[in-house]
C-alpha atoms as a PDB file:
ATOM      1  CA  MET A   1     -35.980 -81.873  56.348  1.00  0.00           C
ATOM      2  CA  GLY A   2     -38.375 -81.830  53.377  1.00  0.00           C
ATOM      3  CA  ILE A   3     -41.152 -84.169  52.416  1.00  0.00           C
ATOM      4  CA  ARG A   4     -40.112 -86.752  49.876  1.00  0.00           C
ATOM      5  CA  LEU A   5     -42.686 -87.815  47.315  1.00  0.00           C
ATOM      6  CA  PRO A   6     -42.241 -91.069  45.475  1.00  0.00           C
ATOM      7  CA  GLY A   7     -41.302 -90.431  41.892  1.00  0.00           C
ATOM      8  CA  ILE A   8     -40.438 -86.736  42.290  1.00  0.00           C
ATOM      9  CA  ASN A   9     -36.995 -87.356  40.793  1.00  0.00           C
ATOM     10  CA  HIS A  10     -38.736 -88.992  37.864  1.00  0.00           C
ATOM     11  CA  VAL A  11     -40.854 -85.833  37.479  1.00  0.00           C
ATOM     12  CA  LYS A  12     -37.677 -83.763  37.276  1.00  0.00           C
ATOM     13  CA  GLN A  13     -36.354 -86.017  34.502  1.00  0.00           C
ATOM     14  CA  ILE A  14     -39.600 -85.709  32.556  1.00  0.00           C
ATOM     15  CA  LEU A  15     -39.588 -81.939  33.002  1.00  0.00           C
ATOM     16  CA  ARG A  16     -36.023 -81.678  31.732  1.00  0.00           C
ATOM     17  CA  ARG A  17     -36.959 -83.727  28.686  1.00  0.00           C
ATOM     18  CA  SER A  18     -40.150 -81.765  28.009  1.00  0.00           C
ATOM     19  CA  LEU A  19     -38.413 -78.435  28.548  1.00  0.00           C
ATOM     20  CA  SER A  20     -35.706 -79.353  26.073  1.00  0.00           C
ATOM     21  CA  LYS A  21     -38.379 -80.318  23.503  1.00  0.00           C
ATOM     22  CA  GLU A  22     -40.148 -76.991  23.961  1.00  0.00           C
ATOM     23  CA  MET A  23     -37.125 -74.691  24.089  1.00  0.00           C
ATOM     24  CA  ASN A  24     -38.087 -73.260  20.712  1.00  0.00           C
ATOM     25  CA  GLY A  25     -41.810 -73.301  21.499  1.00  0.00           C
ATOM     26  CA  ASN A  26     -44.035 -70.871  23.316  1.00  0.00           C
ATOM     27  CA  VAL A  27     -42.957 -71.810  26.830  1.00  0.00           C
ATOM     28  CA  PRO A  28     -41.339 -68.963  28.781  1.00  0.00           C
ATOM     29  CA  LYS A  29     -38.274 -69.570  30.904  1.00  0.00           C
ATOM     30  CA  GLY A  30     -39.219 -70.841  34.369  1.00  0.00           C
ATOM     31  CA  HIS A  31     -42.387 -72.557  33.132  1.00  0.00           C
ATOM     32  CA  PHE A  32     -43.412 -75.991  31.881  1.00  0.00           C
ATOM     33  CA  THR A  33     -46.298 -77.520  29.975  1.00  0.00           C
ATOM     34  CA  VAL A  34     -49.025 -79.726  31.406  1.00  0.00           C
ATOM     35  CA  TYR A  35     -51.958 -81.351  29.650  1.00  0.00           C
ATOM     36  CA  VAL A  36     -55.137 -81.373  31.723  1.00  0.00           C
ATOM     37  CA  GLY A  37     -58.432 -83.172  31.311  1.00  0.00           C
ATOM     38  CA  GLU A  38     -60.302 -86.369  31.825  1.00  0.00           C
ATOM     39  CA  SER A  39     -61.275 -86.932  28.200  1.00  0.00           C
ATOM     40  CA  GLN A  40     -59.191 -88.002  25.229  1.00  0.00           C
ATOM     41  CA  PHE A  41     -58.723 -84.356  24.248  1.00  0.00           C
ATOM     42  CA  LYS A  42     -56.707 -82.556  26.879  1.00  0.00           C
ATOM     43  CA  LYS A  43     -56.033 -78.843  27.167  1.00  0.00           C
ATOM     44  CA  ARG A  44     -52.468 -77.551  27.264  1.00  0.00           C
ATOM     45  CA  TYR A  45     -51.445 -75.195  30.083  1.00  0.00           C
ATOM     46  CA  VAL A  46     -48.126 -73.457  30.702  1.00  0.00           C
ATOM     47  CA  VAL A  47     -47.451 -73.162  34.437  1.00  0.00           C
ATOM     48  CA  PRO A  48     -44.560 -71.811  36.533  1.00  0.00           C
ATOM     49  CA  LEU A  49     -41.986 -74.201  37.943  1.00  0.00           C
ATOM     50  CA  SER A  50     -42.758 -72.775  41.411  1.00  0.00           C
ATOM     51  CA  TYR A  51     -45.995 -74.825  41.410  1.00  0.00           C
ATOM     52  CA  LEU A  52     -43.857 -77.905  41.989  1.00  0.00           C
ATOM     53  CA  ASN A  53     -43.277 -76.709  45.569  1.00  0.00           C
ATOM     54  CA  HIS A  54     -46.976 -76.660  46.495  1.00  0.00           C
ATOM     55  CA  PRO A  55     -48.416 -79.776  48.201  1.00  0.00           C
ATOM     56  CA  SER A  56     -51.692 -79.520  46.251  1.00  0.00           C
ATOM     57  CA  PHE A  57     -49.856 -79.544  42.932  1.00  0.00           C
ATOM     58  CA  GLN A  58     -47.616 -82.381  44.145  1.00  0.00           C
ATOM     59  CA  HIS A  59     -50.773 -84.374  44.901  1.00  0.00           C
ATOM     60  CA  LEU A  60     -51.880 -83.913  41.283  1.00  0.00           C
ATOM     61  CA  LEU A  61     -48.459 -85.103  40.137  1.00  0.00           C
ATOM     62  CA  CYS A  62     -48.798 -88.252  42.245  1.00  0.00           C
ATOM     63  CA  GLN A  63     -52.170 -88.923  40.610  1.00  0.00           C
ATOM     64  CA  ALA A  64     -50.634 -88.346  37.193  1.00  0.00           C
ATOM     65  CA  GLU A  65     -47.815 -90.757  37.930  1.00  0.00           C
ATOM     66  CA  GLU A  66     -50.264 -93.468  39.024  1.00  0.00           C
ATOM     67  CA  GLU A  67     -52.523 -93.080  36.002  1.00  0.00           C
ATOM     68  CA  PHE A  68     -50.204 -92.027  33.177  1.00  0.00           C
ATOM     69  CA  GLY A  69     -46.629 -92.610  34.313  1.00  0.00           C
ATOM     70  CA  PHE A  70     -45.745 -89.011  33.324  1.00  0.00           C
ATOM     71  CA  ASP A  71     -45.554 -89.941  29.668  1.00  0.00           C
ATOM     72  CA  HIS A  72     -47.157 -87.683  27.070  1.00  0.00           C
ATOM     73  CA  PRO A  73     -46.383 -87.917  23.354  1.00  0.00           C
ATOM     74  CA  MET A  74     -46.163 -84.132  23.011  1.00  0.00           C
ATOM     75  CA  GLY A  75     -43.719 -83.677  25.889  1.00  0.00           C
ATOM     76  CA  GLY A  76     -44.983 -82.248  29.138  1.00  0.00           C
ATOM     77  CA  LEU A  77     -47.040 -83.845  31.864  1.00  0.00           C
ATOM     78  CA  THR A  78     -50.586 -85.163  31.675  1.00  0.00           C
ATOM     79  CA  ILE A  79     -52.677 -84.435  34.761  1.00  0.00           C
ATOM     80  CA  PRO A  80     -55.874 -86.479  35.122  1.00  0.00           C
ATOM     81  CA  CYS A  81     -58.307 -84.005  36.578  1.00  0.00           C
ATOM     82  CA  ASN A  82     -61.214 -81.839  35.565  1.00  0.00           C
ATOM     83  CA  GLU A  83     -60.058 -78.629  33.852  1.00  0.00           C
ATOM     84  CA  ASP A  84     -62.191 -76.465  36.144  1.00  0.00           C
ATOM     85  CA  ALA A  85     -60.606 -78.066  39.220  1.00  0.00           C
ATOM     86  CA  PHE A  86     -57.135 -77.484  37.771  1.00  0.00           C
ATOM     87  CA  VAL A  87     -57.890 -73.818  37.049  1.00  0.00           C
ATOM     88  CA  ASP A  88     -59.294 -73.371  40.567  1.00  0.00           C
ATOM     89  CA  LEU A  89     -56.181 -74.934  42.094  1.00  0.00           C
ATOM     90  CA  THR A  90     -53.719 -72.948  40.020  1.00  0.00           C
ATOM     91  CA  SER A  91     -55.553 -69.695  40.657  1.00  0.00           C
ATOM     92  CA  CYS A  92     -55.000 -70.297  44.384  1.00  0.00           C
ATOM     93  CA  LEU A  93     -51.282 -70.974  43.788  1.00  0.00           C
ATOM     94  CA  SER A  94     -50.688 -67.866  41.681  1.00  0.00           C
ATOM     95  CA  PRO A  95     -49.095 -64.930  43.482  1.00  0.00           C
END
């Protein structure tokens, strides 16, 4: 029995939509785009779909849902955290 996070199905819908928008972009198969930062100007990162299975990344997604509702005009997710913290987290998740 897995842990159910509120809104995770909504995340999947957003990812499908953002992936379809970026099919012709620079996003490799098995990855998705996130926008990270606390200022108006956010940095774009391309991360593997496998990150969605990690509790730490899921926590960031919950924060994003609360603050932004998973809506970003460019497609992709906006994650409201410091870029350095995001890089530290993702470096721990990378194989």
